Amino acid sequence: MIVLEKEARPEVRHVFEQMRNALYEGRPADALPQLPSVTVTEAGLNRATHGNPIGPEHLTARWIPPAASGRVRVLGPAGRLVALAESRGGALHPVVVLG
């Protein structure tokens, strides 16, 4: 069960509700809609699930969000959320791998 403190700010509560609903409905890729997303190729999927950096050549759009974007959702070729990554040095670095 996912629980949020009653004193949470309204904007935090809204994001939390979106995330919880997406997870309960089996749509994890929609769990963090405020984060930018990228879709990886099959080679990129292999790199992401092993925690390796992902370059533009591993993305279907061949574009890396700027570092100022913060965390980025990494989606597999089928649209499934596979990782959260940070953009730095021209590559995405997975920080949370979901598999």
N, C-alpha and C. Protein backbone atom coordinates (compact mmCIF):
# COMPACT_ATOMS: atom_id res chain seq x y z
N MET A 1 0.84 -1.18 0.00
CA MET A 1 0.00 0.00 0.00
C MET A 1 0.89 1.25 0.00
N ILE A 2 0.52 2.22 -0.81
CA ILE A 2 1.25 3.48 -0.89
C ILE A 2 0.49 4.51 -0.06
N VAL A 3 1.20 5.16 0.87
CA VAL A 3 0.56 6.12 1.78
C VAL A 3 1.31 7.44 1.70
N LEU A 4 0.57 8.54 1.81
CA LEU A 4 1.14 9.88 1.81
C LEU A 4 0.75 10.57 3.10
N GLU A 5 1.66 11.35 3.65
CA GLU A 5 1.37 12.09 4.87
C GLU A 5 0.20 13.04 4.64
N LYS A 6 -0.65 13.19 5.65
CA LYS A 6 -1.83 14.06 5.53
C LYS A 6 -1.45 15.53 5.36
N GLU A 7 -0.26 15.93 5.83
CA GLU A 7 0.16 17.32 5.77
C GLU A 7 0.82 17.69 4.44
N ALA A 8 0.85 16.81 3.48
CA ALA A 8 1.53 17.07 2.20
C ALA A 8 0.88 18.25 1.48
N ARG A 9 1.73 19.04 0.83
CA ARG A 9 1.24 20.19 0.05
C ARG A 9 0.32 19.68 -1.06
N PRO A 10 -0.66 20.50 -1.48
CA PRO A 10 -1.61 20.08 -2.52
C PRO A 10 -0.93 19.63 -3.82
N GLU A 11 0.13 20.35 -4.24
CA GLU A 11 0.79 19.96 -5.50
C GLU A 11 1.51 18.62 -5.36
N VAL A 12 2.03 18.34 -4.17
CA VAL A 12 2.67 17.04 -3.91
C VAL A 12 1.61 15.96 -3.89
N ARG A 13 0.50 16.25 -3.25
CA ARG A 13 -0.60 15.28 -3.18
C ARG A 13 -1.11 14.95 -4.58
N HIS A 14 -1.22 15.96 -5.46
CA HIS A 14 -1.70 15.74 -6.83
C HIS A 14 -0.76 14.80 -7.60
N VAL A 15 0.54 15.07 -7.54
CA VAL A 15 1.52 14.22 -8.23
C VAL A 15 1.48 12.81 -7.66
N PHE A 16 1.38 12.72 -6.34
CA PHE A 16 1.32 11.42 -5.68
C PHE A 16 0.10 10.63 -6.16
N GLU A 17 -1.05 11.29 -6.24
CA GLU A 17 -2.27 10.61 -6.68
C GLU A 17 -2.13 10.13 -8.12
N GLN A 18 -1.53 10.95 -8.98
CA GLN A 18 -1.30 10.53 -10.38
C GLN A 18 -0.42 9.29 -10.42
N MET A 19 0.66 9.32 -9.63
CA MET A 19 1.60 8.21 -9.62
C MET A 19 0.92 6.95 -9.08
N ARG A 20 0.22 7.07 -7.98
CA ARG A 20 -0.44 5.91 -7.37
C ARG A 20 -1.46 5.31 -8.33
N ASN A 21 -2.29 6.16 -8.94
CA ASN A 21 -3.31 5.65 -9.86
C ASN A 21 -2.68 4.94 -11.05
N ALA A 22 -1.63 5.51 -11.61
CA ALA A 22 -0.97 4.88 -12.75
C ALA A 22 -0.39 3.52 -12.37
N LEU A 23 0.21 3.44 -11.19
CA LEU A 23 0.79 2.17 -10.75
C LEU A 23 -0.29 1.13 -10.50
N TYR A 24 -1.36 1.51 -9.82
CA TYR A 24 -2.45 0.57 -9.54
C TYR A 24 -3.16 0.11 -10.80
N GLU A 25 -3.20 0.98 -11.82
CA GLU A 25 -3.87 0.63 -13.07
C GLU A 25 -2.94 -0.07 -14.06
N GLY A 26 -1.73 -0.37 -13.62
CA GLY A 26 -0.79 -1.09 -14.49
C GLY A 26 -0.19 -0.24 -15.59
N ARG A 27 -0.07 1.09 -15.35
CA ARG A 27 0.50 2.00 -16.33
C ARG A 27 1.71 2.71 -15.73
N PRO A 28 2.77 1.99 -15.36
CA PRO A 28 3.90 2.65 -14.70
C PRO A 28 4.57 3.73 -15.53
N ALA A 29 4.50 3.66 -16.85
CA ALA A 29 5.12 4.70 -17.68
C ALA A 29 4.44 6.05 -17.49
N ASP A 30 3.19 6.02 -17.02
CA ASP A 30 2.44 7.25 -16.78
C ASP A 30 2.57 7.73 -15.33
N ALA A 31 3.39 7.05 -14.54
CA ALA A 31 3.47 7.34 -13.11
C ALA A 31 4.09 8.69 -12.79
N LEU A 32 4.94 9.20 -13.62
CA LEU A 32 5.63 10.47 -13.35
C LEU A 32 5.49 11.38 -14.57
N PRO A 33 4.27 11.85 -14.86
CA PRO A 33 4.05 12.60 -16.10
C PRO A 33 4.79 13.93 -16.17
N GLN A 34 5.22 14.46 -15.04
CA GLN A 34 5.93 15.75 -15.06
C GLN A 34 7.37 15.60 -15.54
N LEU A 35 7.88 14.38 -15.60
CA LEU A 35 9.25 14.16 -16.07
C LEU A 35 9.27 13.95 -17.58
N PRO A 36 10.30 14.49 -18.25
CA PRO A 36 10.42 14.20 -19.69
C PRO A 36 10.72 12.71 -19.88
N SER A 37 10.44 12.22 -21.07
CA SER A 37 10.71 10.80 -21.33
C SER A 37 11.44 10.63 -22.65
N VAL A 38 12.14 9.53 -22.74
CA VAL A 38 12.80 9.11 -23.97
C VAL A 38 12.48 7.64 -24.18
N THR A 39 12.54 7.20 -25.42
CA THR A 39 12.32 5.79 -25.73
C THR A 39 13.62 5.23 -26.28
N VAL A 40 14.03 4.09 -25.72
CA VAL A 40 15.28 3.47 -26.14
C VAL A 40 15.04 2.43 -27.22
N THR A 41 16.09 2.17 -27.99
CA THR A 41 16.10 1.08 -28.96
C THR A 41 16.33 -0.23 -28.19
N GLU A 42 16.35 -1.34 -28.88
CA GLU A 42 16.64 -2.63 -28.21
C GLU A 42 18.02 -2.60 -27.57
N ALA A 43 19.01 -2.03 -28.27
CA ALA A 43 20.36 -1.93 -27.69
C ALA A 43 20.34 -1.01 -26.47
N GLY A 44 19.58 0.07 -26.55
CA GLY A 44 19.46 0.99 -25.41
C GLY A 44 18.76 0.34 -24.24
N LEU A 45 17.78 -0.51 -24.52
CA LEU A 45 17.08 -1.24 -23.46
C LEU A 45 18.05 -2.13 -22.71
N ASN A 46 18.90 -2.81 -23.44
CA ASN A 46 19.91 -3.68 -22.81
C ASN A 46 20.85 -2.86 -21.92
N ARG A 47 21.28 -1.71 -22.40
CA ARG A 47 22.17 -0.86 -21.62
C ARG A 47 21.45 -0.32 -20.38
N ALA A 48 20.22 0.16 -20.56
CA ALA A 48 19.48 0.75 -19.44
C ALA A 48 19.23 -0.27 -18.34
N THR A 49 18.81 -1.46 -18.71
CA THR A 49 18.49 -2.47 -17.69
C THR A 49 19.72 -2.98 -16.96
N HIS A 50 20.90 -2.70 -17.51
CA HIS A 50 22.14 -3.06 -16.82
C HIS A 50 22.79 -1.86 -16.14
N GLY A 51 22.09 -0.71 -16.17
CA GLY A 51 22.59 0.48 -15.50
C GLY A 51 23.70 1.21 -16.22
N ASN A 52 23.90 0.89 -17.50
CA ASN A 52 24.95 1.54 -18.28
C ASN A 52 24.46 2.86 -18.88
N PRO A 53 25.37 3.81 -19.11
CA PRO A 53 24.98 5.08 -19.75
C PRO A 53 24.34 4.84 -21.12
N ILE A 54 23.39 5.71 -21.45
CA ILE A 54 22.65 5.61 -22.70
C ILE A 54 22.96 6.85 -23.52
N GLY A 55 23.53 6.65 -24.70
CA GLY A 55 23.85 7.77 -25.59
C GLY A 55 22.74 8.01 -26.59
N PRO A 56 22.85 9.08 -27.36
CA PRO A 56 21.82 9.38 -28.37
C PRO A 56 21.61 8.24 -29.36
N GLU A 57 22.67 7.49 -29.64
CA GLU A 57 22.56 6.38 -30.59
C GLU A 57 21.68 5.24 -30.06
N HIS A 58 21.35 5.27 -28.76
CA HIS A 58 20.51 4.24 -28.15
C HIS A 58 19.06 4.69 -28.00
N LEU A 59 18.73 5.87 -28.52
CA LEU A 59 17.39 6.43 -28.39
C LEU A 59 16.71 6.50 -29.75
N THR A 60 15.42 6.26 -29.78
CA THR A 60 14.72 6.29 -31.07
C THR A 60 14.74 7.68 -31.68
N ALA A 61 14.67 8.74 -30.87
CA ALA A 61 14.69 10.11 -31.40
C ALA A 61 16.11 10.67 -31.46
N ARG A 62 17.09 9.93 -30.95
CA ARG A 62 18.50 10.34 -30.94
C ARG A 62 18.71 11.72 -30.30
N TRP A 63 17.93 12.01 -29.24
CA TRP A 63 18.01 13.29 -28.55
C TRP A 63 18.07 13.05 -27.05
N ILE A 64 19.06 13.68 -26.40
CA ILE A 64 19.23 13.60 -24.94
C ILE A 64 18.68 14.89 -24.33
N PRO A 65 17.74 14.80 -23.40
CA PRO A 65 17.26 16.02 -22.73
C PRO A 65 18.42 16.72 -22.01
N PRO A 66 18.37 18.05 -21.89
CA PRO A 66 19.45 18.77 -21.21
C PRO A 66 19.51 18.41 -19.73
N ALA A 67 20.69 18.62 -19.14
CA ALA A 67 20.89 18.28 -17.73
C ALA A 67 19.92 19.01 -16.83
N ALA A 68 19.50 20.21 -17.21
CA ALA A 68 18.57 20.99 -16.39
C ALA A 68 17.19 20.33 -16.29
N SER A 69 16.94 19.31 -17.09
CA SER A 69 15.65 18.62 -17.06
C SER A 69 15.46 17.80 -15.80
N GLY A 70 16.54 17.53 -15.10
CA GLY A 70 16.44 16.67 -13.91
C GLY A 70 16.35 15.22 -14.33
N ARG A 71 15.55 14.48 -13.63
CA ARG A 71 15.37 13.06 -13.95
C ARG A 71 14.55 12.90 -15.22
N VAL A 72 14.82 11.80 -15.93
CA VAL A 72 14.17 11.50 -17.20
C VAL A 72 13.62 10.08 -17.12
N ARG A 73 12.38 9.89 -17.59
CA ARG A 73 11.81 8.54 -17.68
C ARG A 73 12.39 7.85 -18.90
N VAL A 74 12.89 6.65 -18.73
CA VAL A 74 13.42 5.86 -19.85
C VAL A 74 12.39 4.78 -20.15
N LEU A 75 11.83 4.84 -21.35
CA LEU A 75 10.81 3.87 -21.77
C LEU A 75 11.42 2.88 -22.75
N GLY A 76 11.02 1.63 -22.61
CA GLY A 76 11.47 0.61 -23.54
C GLY A 76 10.76 0.74 -24.87
N PRO A 77 11.16 -0.05 -25.88
CA PRO A 77 10.55 0.03 -27.21
C PRO A 77 9.03 -0.19 -27.19
N ALA A 78 8.53 -0.94 -26.20
CA ALA A 78 7.09 -1.20 -26.10
C ALA A 78 6.38 -0.16 -25.24
N GLY A 79 7.11 0.86 -24.76
CA GLY A 79 6.50 1.91 -23.97
C GLY A 79 6.49 1.68 -22.47
N ARG A 80 7.14 0.61 -22.02
CA ARG A 80 7.18 0.29 -20.59
C ARG A 80 8.28 1.08 -19.90
N LEU A 81 8.00 1.59 -18.71
CA LEU A 81 9.00 2.32 -17.93
C LEU A 81 10.06 1.34 -17.46
N VAL A 82 11.32 1.58 -17.86
CA VAL A 82 12.41 0.66 -17.48
C VAL A 82 13.41 1.30 -16.54
N ALA A 83 13.47 2.65 -16.51
CA ALA A 83 14.45 3.29 -15.64
C ALA A 83 14.14 4.78 -15.50
N LEU A 84 14.74 5.36 -14.48
CA LEU A 84 14.82 6.81 -14.33
C LEU A 84 16.29 7.14 -14.46
N ALA A 85 16.59 8.17 -15.21
CA ALA A 85 17.98 8.51 -15.48
C ALA A 85 18.23 9.99 -15.28
N GLU A 86 19.49 10.33 -15.13
CA GLU A 86 19.93 11.72 -15.07
C GLU A 86 20.73 12.02 -16.33
N SER A 87 20.52 13.21 -16.87
CA SER A 87 21.24 13.63 -18.07
C SER A 87 22.49 14.39 -17.65
N ARG A 88 23.65 13.88 -18.08
CA ARG A 88 24.91 14.58 -17.82
C ARG A 88 25.97 14.08 -18.79
N GLY A 89 26.81 15.01 -19.21
CA GLY A 89 27.89 14.66 -20.12
C GLY A 89 27.45 14.11 -21.45
N GLY A 90 26.27 14.52 -21.94
CA GLY A 90 25.80 14.06 -23.24
C GLY A 90 25.23 12.67 -23.26
N ALA A 91 24.95 12.12 -22.07
CA ALA A 91 24.37 10.77 -21.99
C ALA A 91 23.38 10.73 -20.84
N LEU A 92 22.52 9.72 -20.85
CA LEU A 92 21.62 9.47 -19.74
C LEU A 92 22.23 8.40 -18.86
N HIS A 93 22.23 8.66 -17.57
CA HIS A 93 22.81 7.72 -16.60
C HIS A 93 21.69 7.19 -15.72
N PRO A 94 21.31 5.90 -15.88
CA PRO A 94 20.25 5.34 -15.05
C PRO A 94 20.59 5.43 -13.56
N VAL A 95 19.63 5.93 -12.78
CA VAL A 95 19.81 6.01 -11.32
C VAL A 95 18.85 5.06 -10.62
N VAL A 96 17.75 4.72 -11.27
CA VAL A 96 16.81 3.73 -10.77
C VAL A 96 16.46 2.83 -11.95
N VAL A 97 16.71 1.54 -11.82
CA VAL A 97 16.42 0.60 -12.89
C VAL A 97 15.27 -0.28 -12.43
N LEU A 98 14.20 -0.32 -13.23
CA LEU A 98 13.03 -1.12 -12.90
C LEU A 98 13.03 -2.45 -13.63
N GLY A 99 13.85 -2.57 -14.65
CA GLY A 99 13.96 -3.82 -15.38
C GLY A 99 13.19 -3.88 -16.64
